[in-house]
Protein backbone atom coordinates (compact mmCIF):
# COMPACT_ATOMS: atom_id res chain seq x y z
CA MET A 1 94.69 112.82 131.79
CA ALA A 2 94.09 113.88 128.20
CA LEU A 3 95.49 111.97 125.24
CA PHE A 4 97.70 113.77 122.78
CA GLU A 5 98.88 112.90 119.31
CA ILE A 6 102.56 113.76 118.89
CA ARG A 7 103.74 114.28 115.31
CA PRO A 8 106.35 116.25 113.37
CA ALA A 9 105.43 119.90 112.86
CA ASN A 10 104.39 121.11 109.44
CA ALA A 11 104.18 124.61 107.96
CA THR A 12 100.48 125.00 108.78
CA ASP A 13 101.20 124.44 112.50
CA ILE A 14 103.66 127.29 112.90
CA SER A 15 101.20 130.20 113.17
CA HIS A 16 99.18 128.24 115.77
CA LEU A 17 102.32 127.46 117.78
CA MET A 18 103.54 131.06 117.71
CA ALA A 19 100.14 132.22 119.02
CA ILE A 20 100.37 130.07 122.17
CA ASP A 21 100.95 132.00 125.39
CA HIS A 22 104.57 131.00 126.06
CA SER A 23 104.78 132.58 129.53
CA CYS A 24 104.46 130.56 132.73
CA MET A 25 103.79 131.17 136.40
CA SER A 26 106.35 130.34 139.08
CA ASP A 27 106.57 130.35 142.86
CA TYR A 28 110.30 129.54 142.92
CA VAL A 29 113.61 130.53 141.36
CA TRP A 30 116.93 128.73 141.35
CA GLN A 31 119.09 131.52 142.73
CA LEU A 32 122.73 131.64 141.63
CA GLU A 33 125.46 132.62 144.08
CA LEU A 34 128.96 133.05 142.63
CA ARG A 35 132.04 133.33 144.80
CA ARG A 36 135.41 134.13 143.30
CA ASP A 37 138.84 134.24 144.82
CA ALA A 38 142.31 133.98 143.33
CA ALA A 39 142.35 130.17 143.13
CA GLN A 40 138.71 129.15 142.90
CA VAL A 41 135.29 129.98 141.57
CA THR A 42 132.31 128.46 143.36
CA ALA A 43 128.80 128.47 141.94
CA ASN A 44 125.91 127.47 144.18
CA PHE A 45 122.25 127.23 143.32
CA ARG A 46 119.47 127.09 145.82
CA GLN A 47 115.76 126.94 145.24
CA VAL A 48 114.16 130.03 146.75
CA ARG A 49 110.44 130.51 147.26
CA LEU A 50 109.33 133.86 145.87
CA PRO A 51 107.12 136.11 148.03
CA ARG A 52 104.34 135.75 145.45
CA SER A 53 103.75 133.96 142.17
CA ILE A 54 105.31 135.68 139.19
CA SER A 55 104.66 135.52 135.49
CA VAL A 56 107.82 134.43 133.69
CA ALA A 57 108.15 135.76 130.16
CA TYR A 58 109.45 133.30 127.57
CA PRO A 59 113.15 133.98 126.91
CA ARG A 60 112.87 133.93 123.12
CA ASN A 61 110.56 135.67 120.71
CA PRO A 62 107.94 133.05 119.71
CA SER A 63 107.66 134.58 116.24
CA SER A 64 111.25 133.48 115.52
CA LEU A 65 109.85 129.95 115.27
CA ALA A 66 108.61 130.86 111.78
CA ASP A 67 112.20 131.26 110.58
CA GLU A 68 113.94 128.65 112.72
CA TRP A 69 111.74 125.56 112.75
CA THR A 70 113.19 124.05 109.57
CA ARG A 71 116.74 124.41 110.96
CA ARG A 72 116.04 122.32 114.07
CA GLY A 73 116.79 118.63 114.21
CA ALA A 74 113.18 118.08 115.17
CA VAL A 75 110.09 120.10 115.95
CA MET A 76 107.27 117.95 117.23
CA VAL A 77 103.73 119.06 117.95
CA ALA A 78 101.21 117.91 120.54
CA VAL A 79 97.75 117.82 119.00
CA HIS A 80 94.51 117.61 120.96
CA GLU A 81 91.14 117.45 119.18
CA ASN A 82 92.85 118.31 115.86
CA ALA A 83 94.44 121.50 117.23
CA PRO A 84 98.15 122.04 117.96
CA ILE A 85 98.45 122.77 121.69
CA GLY A 86 102.21 122.52 122.25
CA TYR A 87 105.59 121.77 120.76
CA VAL A 88 109.14 120.71 121.48
CA CYS A 89 112.26 121.75 119.54
CA VAL A 90 115.40 119.61 119.53
CA ALA A 91 118.80 120.58 118.15
CA GLU A 92 121.32 117.84 117.45
CA GLU A 93 125.11 118.00 117.69
CA ARG A 94 126.10 114.94 115.69
CA THR A 95 129.84 115.10 116.37
CA SER A 96 129.31 114.86 120.13
CA ALA A 97 126.17 112.65 119.96
CA ILE A 98 124.30 115.17 122.11
CA ALA A 99 120.91 116.75 121.49
CA TRP A 100 119.42 119.80 123.19
CA VAL A 101 115.77 120.39 123.96
CA THR A 102 115.74 124.14 123.39
CA ASP A 103 111.98 124.71 123.66
CA ILE A 104 109.09 122.87 125.24
CA VAL A 105 105.85 124.84 125.24
CA VAL A 106 102.26 123.90 126.07
CA ALA A 107 99.20 126.16 125.84
CA PRO A 108 98.04 127.25 129.33
CA ASP A 109 94.66 125.45 129.10
CA HIS A 110 96.45 122.15 128.46
CA ARG A 111 99.21 122.37 131.07
CA ARG A 112 99.43 119.78 133.86
CA LYS A 113 97.57 117.25 131.70
CA GLY A 114 100.52 115.30 130.29
CA ALA A 115 101.29 117.19 127.07
CA ALA A 116 104.80 118.25 128.11
CA SER A 117 105.55 114.69 129.28
CA ALA A 118 104.31 113.32 125.94
CA LEU A 119 106.46 115.84 124.04
CA LEU A 120 109.57 115.04 126.10
CA THR A 121 108.98 111.30 125.65
CA ALA A 122 108.76 111.85 121.88
CA ALA A 123 111.95 113.95 121.91
CA GLN A 124 113.77 111.18 123.80
CA ALA A 125 112.54 108.56 121.31
CA TRP A 126 113.64 110.74 118.37
CA ALA A 127 117.08 111.21 119.95
CA SER A 128 117.45 107.48 120.70
CA GLU A 129 116.58 106.59 117.10
CA ARG A 130 119.38 108.90 115.97
CA ARG A 131 121.83 107.29 118.44
CA VAL A 132 122.17 110.39 120.56
CA ARG A 133 124.02 109.50 123.77
CA ARG A 134 122.87 112.39 125.92
CA LEU A 135 119.86 114.67 125.88
CA ILE A 136 120.10 118.07 127.56
CA LEU A 137 117.18 120.31 128.47
CA GLU A 138 117.71 124.05 128.77
CA MET A 139 115.39 126.28 130.78
CA GLN A 140 115.22 129.53 132.69
CA SER A 141 116.10 129.44 136.38
CA LYS A 142 112.54 130.67 137.12
CA ASN A 143 110.76 127.98 135.09
CA GLN A 144 109.66 125.81 138.01
CA ALA A 145 107.39 123.62 135.87
CA CYS A 146 110.17 122.71 133.43
CA ILE A 147 112.64 122.04 136.27
CA HIS A 148 110.11 119.64 137.84
CA LEU A 149 109.52 117.98 134.46
CA ALA A 150 113.26 117.42 134.01
CA GLN A 151 113.59 115.95 137.50
CA LYS A 152 110.50 113.74 137.01
CA PHE A 153 112.14 112.22 133.92
CA GLY A 154 115.44 111.56 135.73
CA TYR A 155 117.43 114.46 134.34
CA GLU A 156 120.16 115.82 136.58
CA PHE A 157 121.45 119.37 136.88
CA CYS A 158 124.58 119.56 134.73
CA GLY A 159 125.34 123.25 134.33
CA TYR A 160 124.26 126.79 133.77
CA ASN A 161 125.04 129.85 131.68
CA ASP A 162 124.57 133.32 133.12
CA GLN A 163 122.88 135.85 130.80
CA TYR A 164 122.30 133.07 128.25
CA TYR A 165 119.01 134.27 126.78
CA PRO A 166 118.29 137.57 124.98
CA THR A 167 116.39 138.49 128.18
CA GLN A 168 119.69 138.10 130.11
CA ASP A 169 118.17 135.30 132.20
CA VAL A 170 120.24 132.47 133.61
CA ALA A 171 119.86 129.17 131.74
CA LEU A 172 119.91 125.91 133.67
CA PHE A 173 120.88 122.68 131.95
CA PHE A 174 119.62 119.26 132.98
CA GLY A 175 121.02 116.20 131.22
CA ARG A 176 120.38 112.49 130.96
CA LEU A 177 122.13 109.61 129.26
CA LEU A 178 119.86 107.78 126.83
CA LYS A 179 119.87 104.01 126.59
């Protein structure tokens, strides 16, 4: 397990963060089944194993980070050996005391070594300091690694939005009350 420094992002980090390969590999998808009749709509998700591993493109253009990072409640960077290797973006809704983790990205060479966990822990601490009641993570239905991360940290499925991303992918939402 590698050690990571987590700190607020600064302007010199942004080009490094945009250059990270944001795609991921997945063996599973959370498949949505919608049933509608006159009196009821039922949405069911089931985890389905794909016939082969697929590369999942990131749902947003990473270069938009250059314009958006100052508008986020927080952008924190994971640094390893003085190089930025990942980041998390958090947007806060003060009136409802909710914050959203909109992005959590780690460079492929540093995945499965604790960087995403360190970033999520830092996002939770930031949200708690700001008296956020609930933290919600958004992710694509094909992002198996992020779904597992959410479940590992005790987040529970709390909703979805069909065609949420510019890529038209389904977004899954996992939430957790903060203490």
